[in-house]
Amino acid sequence: MPKAAAAKPTKIVNKKDKKDPNKPKRGRSAYMFFAQENRERIQKENPKATFGQIGKLMGEEWQKLSDKDKKPYNDKAAADKERYEKEKADYESK
């Protein structure tokens, strides 16, 4: 007994707004500055670790840092946030 052909549902296409290449990049967090500086070292210490495992190890190291050790990263994040706010204001005023 042959199977009846199932009716194919129509495909709904969502139109996505194109991103403005001049829009300023968001400010990075303190953790992102930490990760950028330490990712290569952690990868060398754990050569067989997967991408997800590297992220987990970095997160564990970040959690172990004291507030004093996190301060330089927090300062960088604050400066980057100020940069973003300034660029955003300039962008929106155009």
Protein backbone atom coordinates (compact mmCIF):
# COMPACT_ATOMS: atom_id res chain seq x y z
CA MET A 1 0.00 0.00 0.00
CA PRO A 2 1.71 3.25 -1.13
CA LYS A 3 2.04 6.11 1.31
CA ALA A 4 0.18 9.30 0.54
CA ALA A 5 2.41 12.23 -0.25
CA ALA A 6 2.52 14.54 2.73
CA ALA A 7 1.70 18.14 2.02
CA LYS A 8 4.85 20.23 2.28
CA PRO A 9 4.43 23.14 4.66
CA THR A 10 5.19 26.51 3.17
CA LYS A 11 8.47 27.99 4.26
CA ILE A 12 8.26 31.20 6.25
CA VAL A 13 11.21 33.48 5.64
CA ASN A 14 12.07 35.95 8.34
CA LYS A 15 13.57 39.12 7.00
CA LYS A 16 16.50 40.19 9.09
CA ASP A 17 17.58 43.80 9.33
CA LYS A 18 21.03 44.37 7.93
CA LYS A 19 23.60 45.34 10.52
CA ASP A 20 25.13 48.76 10.25
CA PRO A 21 28.91 48.33 9.92
CA ASN A 22 29.45 51.76 11.51
CA LYS A 23 27.58 50.85 14.70
CA PRO A 24 30.00 50.85 17.66
CA LYS A 25 31.03 47.54 19.23
CA ARG A 26 29.69 46.84 22.72
CA GLY A 27 32.04 47.27 25.65
CA ARG A 28 33.75 44.10 26.85
CA SER A 29 33.32 42.80 30.37
CA ALA A 30 36.14 42.34 32.88
CA TYR A 31 35.92 38.58 32.33
CA MET A 32 36.34 39.01 28.57
CA PHE A 33 39.56 41.00 29.11
CA PHE A 34 40.75 38.25 31.47
CA ALA A 35 39.87 35.54 28.94
CA GLN A 36 41.64 37.35 26.11
CA GLU A 37 44.86 37.60 28.13
CA ASN A 38 44.79 34.05 29.52
CA ARG A 39 43.22 31.85 26.81
CA GLU A 40 46.51 31.05 25.07
CA ARG A 41 48.25 30.12 28.34
CA ILE A 42 45.38 27.83 29.39
CA GLN A 43 45.36 26.18 25.95
CA LYS A 44 49.10 25.48 26.23
CA GLU A 45 48.66 24.03 29.73
CA ASN A 46 45.78 21.83 28.51
CA PRO A 47 46.58 20.91 24.89
CA LYS A 48 43.92 18.20 24.62
CA ALA A 49 41.11 20.28 26.13
CA THR A 50 38.15 21.11 23.91
CA PHE A 51 36.85 24.62 23.33
CA GLY A 52 34.16 24.15 25.98
CA GLN A 53 36.62 22.75 28.50
CA ILE A 54 38.94 25.73 27.95
CA GLY A 55 36.04 28.06 28.70
CA LYS A 56 35.19 26.12 31.84
CA LEU A 57 38.80 26.25 33.05
CA MET A 58 38.95 30.00 32.43
CA GLY A 59 35.71 30.48 34.33
CA GLU A 60 37.08 28.53 37.28
CA GLU A 61 40.26 30.61 37.30
CA TRP A 62 38.23 33.82 37.12
CA GLN A 63 36.12 32.73 40.10
CA LYS A 64 39.26 32.01 42.14
CA LEU A 65 40.70 35.50 41.57
CA SER A 66 40.41 37.93 44.46
CA ASP A 67 38.84 41.36 43.99
CA LYS A 68 42.35 42.81 44.11
CA ASP A 69 43.45 40.56 41.23
CA LYS A 70 40.29 41.38 39.24
CA LYS A 71 40.78 45.14 39.63
CA PRO A 72 42.92 45.67 36.47
CA TYR A 73 40.31 43.84 34.39
CA ASN A 74 37.46 45.80 36.00
CA ASP A 75 39.33 49.04 35.23
CA LYS A 76 39.74 48.01 31.58
CA ALA A 77 36.05 47.10 31.40
CA ALA A 78 35.05 50.48 32.85
CA ALA A 79 37.26 52.31 30.34
CA ASP A 80 35.83 50.22 27.49
CA LYS A 81 32.28 50.98 28.67
CA GLU A 82 33.07 54.71 28.61
CA ARG A 83 34.47 54.32 25.08
CA TYR A 84 31.31 52.52 23.99
CA GLU A 85 28.99 55.10 25.55
CA LYS A 86 30.88 57.93 23.82
CA GLU A 87 30.90 56.16 20.43
CA LYS A 88 27.22 55.27 20.85
CA ALA A 89 26.30 58.91 21.57
CA ASP A 90 28.28 60.05 18.51
CA TYR A 91 26.66 57.35 16.36
CA GLU A 92 23.12 58.19 17.48
CA SER A 93 23.64 61.93 16.96
CA LYS A 94 24.31 61.40 13.23
